[in-house]
Amino acid sequence: MKRLVIFDLDGTLVNSSEDICDNINKTLVKFGYPEISLAETVRFVGNGARKLVERALKGEKAENFGEILDFYNNSYNYCGSPKSRAYKGVKELMKKLREEGYLLAVLSNKPQSGTDEVIGKFFPDVYPDCVFGQREGVKTKPDGEGVRLILKELGVKKEEAVFVGDGETDARTYINAGIDGISVLWGFRGRDELINAGATSFAETPEDLYEKIKKF
């Protein structure tokens, strides 16, 4: 039996695509670059803010890249996530898991302050036992370092944890960390993309995910 469920954030617990799109476009316009579409935004997310900005610039070499990245991070972190929504059923799933004694954690490539803000807004009554965003000196997903640090903080063994995420980055993360994982199909990526990343277990709905977790 598992003791800990580690969730990805964007595309797994919260649909934040419109807010991310609005803020990356605000950033692009500010610095004189063309806007990108919502579909492009969804395709570009998954590896943190730096990679998102790099992809949104579409090969342009910006000498002031650091300034652009800082503007985006500040814009997004303080936007209040007005268009973001928790996916239907995920709060109920988290509450049910906690009632049954599971530890809950979140691991995101979003900066720590933004991760804290989103979790505090959408999940105040089922706040995870560990919320781990992008931190200085810690490798981001798909590296397994964040997972290992969460396990250490919560005193959980690898075989007692399962990772839940919607993207290729998440699949590679749980593989790299050496823990079990489940890929959800309601987020930003499709089954074929996840299979290509190494995913072998899938959940169509939060109810389906609960049953998959219980089978471990």
Foldseek 3Di string as FASTA:
>chain_A
DAQEEEEEPDFTFKPLLVLLQVLLCVLQVVVPHHGDDSLQQLVQDDQALLSSNVVRNPPDDDPVSVVSSVSSLVCSLPVLSPPMDTPPPPQVLLVVCVVVRHAYEYEYQRAQSSQVSVCCVHPVPRRGPYYHYDDPPAHHFPAQRVVVVVCVVVVHDQANYEYEEAALRSLSNCVNNVHHYEHEDRGSDHPVRNVVSPDDHYADDSVSVSVVVVVD
